[in-house]
N, C-alpha and C. Protein backbone atom coordinates (compact mmCIF):
# COMPACT_ATOMS: atom_id res chain seq x y z
N MET A 1 3.49 -6.13 -5.17
CA MET A 1 4.86 -6.21 -4.73
C MET A 1 5.15 -6.57 -2.61
N ILE A 2 6.31 -6.83 -3.14
CA ILE A 2 6.45 -7.61 -1.71
C ILE A 2 7.64 -7.09 -0.63
N ARG A 3 7.38 -6.05 -0.03
CA ARG A 3 8.28 -5.49 1.33
C ARG A 3 8.45 -5.35 2.02
N ILE A 4 10.29 -5.58 2.76
CA ILE A 4 10.07 -5.90 4.72
C ILE A 4 9.06 -4.63 4.92
N ASP A 5 9.06 -5.39 5.81
CA ASP A 5 8.25 -4.56 7.21
C ASP A 5 10.02 -4.31 7.99
N PRO A 6 9.75 -2.26 7.81
CA PRO A 6 10.65 -2.06 8.77
C PRO A 6 10.97 -2.12 10.08
N GLU A 7 9.72 -2.41 10.81
CA GLU A 7 9.55 -2.69 11.94
C GLU A 7 10.02 -3.59 12.62
N VAL A 8 10.48 -5.19 11.51
CA VAL A 8 11.14 -5.42 12.40
C VAL A 8 13.29 -6.09 11.28
N LEU A 9 12.74 -4.60 10.13
CA LEU A 9 14.74 -4.40 10.88
C LEU A 9 15.13 -3.85 12.59
N ASP A 10 14.46 -2.32 12.88
CA ASP A 10 14.53 -2.77 14.05
C ASP A 10 14.12 -3.52 15.17
N GLU A 11 13.55 -4.69 14.47
CA GLU A 11 13.22 -5.25 15.78
C GLU A 11 14.27 -6.69 15.95
N ALA A 12 14.85 -6.68 14.53
CA ALA A 12 16.11 -7.72 14.45
C ALA A 12 17.58 -6.88 15.13
N ARG A 13 17.65 -5.10 15.28
CA ARG A 13 18.97 -4.70 15.84
C ARG A 13 18.50 -4.48 17.28
N ALA A 14 17.53 -4.65 18.02
CA ALA A 14 17.22 -4.80 18.89
C ALA A 14 17.42 -5.60 19.79
N ILE A 15 17.37 -6.77 19.05
CA ILE A 15 17.33 -8.48 19.65
C ILE A 15 19.20 -8.88 20.03
N TYR A 16 19.84 -8.09 18.93
CA TYR A 16 20.78 -7.81 18.30
C TYR A 16 21.91 -6.97 19.09
N ARG A 17 21.11 -6.40 19.31
CA ARG A 17 21.80 -5.18 20.10
C ARG A 17 22.50 -4.11 19.57
N LEU A 18 22.27 -3.95 18.56
CA LEU A 18 23.39 -3.36 17.12
C LEU A 18 22.64 -2.67 17.14
N SER A 19 23.83 -0.94 16.77
CA SER A 19 23.69 0.34 17.24
C SER A 19 23.73 0.83 15.58
N SER A 20 23.57 0.31 14.48
CA SER A 20 23.29 0.72 13.53
C SER A 20 22.86 -0.49 12.63
N ASP A 21 21.94 0.30 10.80
CA ASP A 21 21.83 -1.33 10.44
C ASP A 21 23.32 -1.57 9.44
N GLU A 22 24.42 -0.95 9.04
CA GLU A 22 25.42 -1.12 9.23
C GLU A 22 25.65 -2.53 9.61
N GLN A 23 25.34 -2.23 11.11
CA GLN A 23 25.80 -3.60 12.37
C GLN A 23 25.07 -4.81 11.56
N LEU A 24 24.01 -4.48 11.21
CA LEU A 24 22.63 -5.20 10.69
C LEU A 24 23.49 -6.03 10.15
N ALA A 25 23.59 -5.78 8.70
CA ALA A 25 23.77 -5.46 7.61
C ALA A 25 24.56 -6.77 7.33
N HIS A 26 25.48 -6.14 8.18
CA HIS A 26 26.13 -7.42 8.61
C HIS A 26 26.47 -8.89 9.36
N LYS A 27 25.44 -8.62 10.09
CA LYS A 27 24.56 -9.61 10.99
C LYS A 27 24.63 -10.89 9.52
N LEU A 28 23.46 -9.97 8.52
CA LEU A 28 22.50 -10.64 7.43
C LEU A 28 22.98 -11.40 7.03
N GLY A 29 24.68 -11.20 6.64
CA GLY A 29 24.88 -11.48 5.14
C GLY A 29 24.66 -9.88 4.17
N VAL A 30 24.60 -9.38 4.33
CA VAL A 30 24.33 -8.30 2.95
C VAL A 30 25.05 -7.03 3.72
N SER A 31 24.59 -5.70 2.47
CA SER A 31 25.41 -4.68 2.57
C SER A 31 24.84 -3.52 2.99
N GLY A 32 25.27 -3.22 3.57
CA GLY A 32 24.25 -1.80 3.80
C GLY A 32 24.15 -0.96 3.43
N SER A 33 23.81 -0.78 2.09
CA SER A 33 22.90 -0.14 1.69
C SER A 33 21.98 -1.14 1.31
N THR A 34 21.53 -2.69 1.31
CA THR A 34 20.97 -3.71 0.62
C THR A 34 19.98 -3.64 1.95
N VAL A 35 19.96 -3.01 3.61
CA VAL A 35 19.64 -3.09 4.30
C VAL A 35 19.12 -1.30 4.40
N ALA A 36 18.95 -0.50 3.60
CA ALA A 36 19.06 1.27 3.51
C ALA A 36 18.13 1.07 2.25
N ASN A 37 17.48 0.43 1.14
CA ASN A 37 17.09 -0.08 -0.10
C ASN A 37 16.19 -0.79 1.28
N LEU A 38 16.51 -1.86 1.94
CA LEU A 38 14.72 -2.50 2.57
C LEU A 38 14.17 -2.28 2.74
N ARG A 39 14.53 -0.73 3.96
CA ARG A 39 14.48 0.27 4.89
C ARG A 39 12.99 0.89 3.92
N ALA A 40 13.28 1.57 3.08
CA ALA A 40 12.86 2.10 2.59
C ALA A 40 11.80 1.39 1.52
N GLY A 41 11.85 0.54 1.54
CA GLY A 41 11.07 -0.31 0.58
C GLY A 41 11.25 -0.02 -1.46
N ARG A 42 12.89 0.04 -1.60
CA ARG A 42 13.21 0.42 -2.69
C ARG A 42 13.75 -1.84 -3.34
N THR A 43 14.02 -1.90 -2.33
CA THR A 43 14.22 -3.95 -3.04
C THR A 43 13.39 -5.04 -2.45
N THR A 44 12.62 -5.63 -2.65
CA THR A 44 12.32 -6.74 -1.83
C THR A 44 13.42 -7.81 -1.85
N PRO A 45 12.71 -8.51 -0.59
CA PRO A 45 14.15 -9.18 0.04
C PRO A 45 13.81 -10.45 -0.38
N THR A 46 15.37 -10.56 -0.52
CA THR A 46 15.03 -12.55 -0.71
C THR A 46 14.58 -13.48 0.06
N ILE A 47 14.82 -14.52 -0.10
CA ILE A 47 14.52 -16.26 1.03
C ILE A 47 15.73 -15.85 2.22
N ALA A 48 16.61 -15.86 1.29
CA ALA A 48 17.88 -16.06 2.56
C ALA A 48 17.56 -15.11 3.51
N THR A 49 17.41 -13.90 3.20
CA THR A 49 17.45 -12.46 4.38
C THR A 49 15.53 -12.37 5.27
N LEU A 50 15.23 -13.09 4.22
CA LEU A 50 13.64 -12.95 5.04
C LEU A 50 14.18 -14.31 6.34
N MET A 51 14.67 -15.66 6.21
CA MET A 51 15.34 -17.15 7.05
C MET A 51 16.11 -16.20 7.83
N CYS A 52 16.79 -15.08 7.64
CA CYS A 52 17.88 -15.11 8.63
C CYS A 52 16.48 -13.79 9.68
N LEU A 53 15.77 -12.75 9.09
CA LEU A 53 14.49 -12.18 10.01
C LEU A 53 14.36 -13.22 10.74
N LYS A 54 13.48 -13.54 10.20
CA LYS A 54 12.85 -15.04 10.58
C LYS A 54 13.24 -15.38 12.42
N LYS A 55 14.79 -15.46 11.99
CA LYS A 55 15.27 -17.44 12.62
C LYS A 55 15.81 -15.36 13.77
N ALA A 56 15.92 -14.35 13.31
CA ALA A 56 16.37 -13.52 14.49
C ALA A 56 15.05 -12.83 15.14
N THR A 57 13.98 -12.53 14.65
CA THR A 57 12.56 -12.63 15.49
C THR A 57 12.36 -13.43 16.06
N GLY A 58 11.92 -14.56 16.06
CA GLY A 58 10.84 -15.53 15.96
C GLY A 58 9.65 -15.06 15.11
N ARG A 59 9.81 -14.14 14.34
CA ARG A 59 8.07 -13.96 13.60
C ARG A 59 8.02 -14.88 12.43
N PRO A 60 6.94 -15.31 12.10
CA PRO A 60 6.29 -16.08 11.74
C PRO A 60 6.76 -15.14 10.02
N LEU A 61 6.87 -15.50 9.20
CA LEU A 61 7.36 -15.27 7.49
C LEU A 61 6.28 -14.18 7.21
N ASP A 62 5.37 -15.11 7.07
CA ASP A 62 4.05 -13.58 6.73
C ASP A 62 3.88 -12.04 7.48
N THR A 63 4.56 -12.44 8.55
CA THR A 63 4.55 -11.05 9.53
C THR A 63 5.41 -10.22 8.94
N LEU A 64 6.73 -10.69 8.34
CA LEU A 64 8.05 -10.15 8.44
C LEU A 64 7.91 -8.51 7.33
N VAL A 65 6.65 -9.57 6.10
CA VAL A 65 6.38 -8.60 4.86
C VAL A 65 5.33 -8.30 5.31
N ARG A 66 4.76 -6.92 3.91
CA ARG A 66 4.09 -6.66 4.25
C ARG A 66 3.57 -6.44 2.69
N GLU A 67 2.05 -6.16 1.65
CA GLU A 67 2.71 -6.46 0.67
C GLU A 67 1.72 -5.28 -0.08
N ILE A 68 2.41 -4.12 -1.70
CA ILE A 68 1.59 -3.28 -1.56
C ILE A 68 1.60 -3.34 -3.10
N GLU A 69 0.58 -2.57 -3.72
CA GLU A 69 0.56 -2.14 -4.64
C GLU A 69 1.67 -2.23 -5.71
N ALA A 70 1.96 -2.63 -6.51
CA ALA A 70 2.75 -2.09 -7.87
C ALA A 70 2.20 -0.53 -8.43
N PRO A 71 2.87 0.10 -8.50
CA PRO A 71 1.97 1.12 -9.32
C PRO A 71 2.24 1.11 -10.69
N ALA A 72 1.08 1.65 -11.27
CA ALA A 72 0.15 1.33 -12.67
C ALA A 72 1.20 2.31 -13.74
N ALA A 73 1.16 1.03 -14.52
CA ALA A 73 2.69 1.57 -15.61
C ALA A 73 1.96 2.23 -16.59
């Protein structure tokens, strides 16, 4: 499973000088709950969200995410 590295969200907030995840959500064009779910690792980021974060941070795509093992069924 692919999950966003929460530090990337913090970095984007700092770059944009935003004080909340709600403001970051608006900047990324997603809902506040989406950013909260990304931060908590409950959802997989979309390509569009990754591209926005790549543009904001200047980081390569592979450094924006981390791969975690899916829970055993």
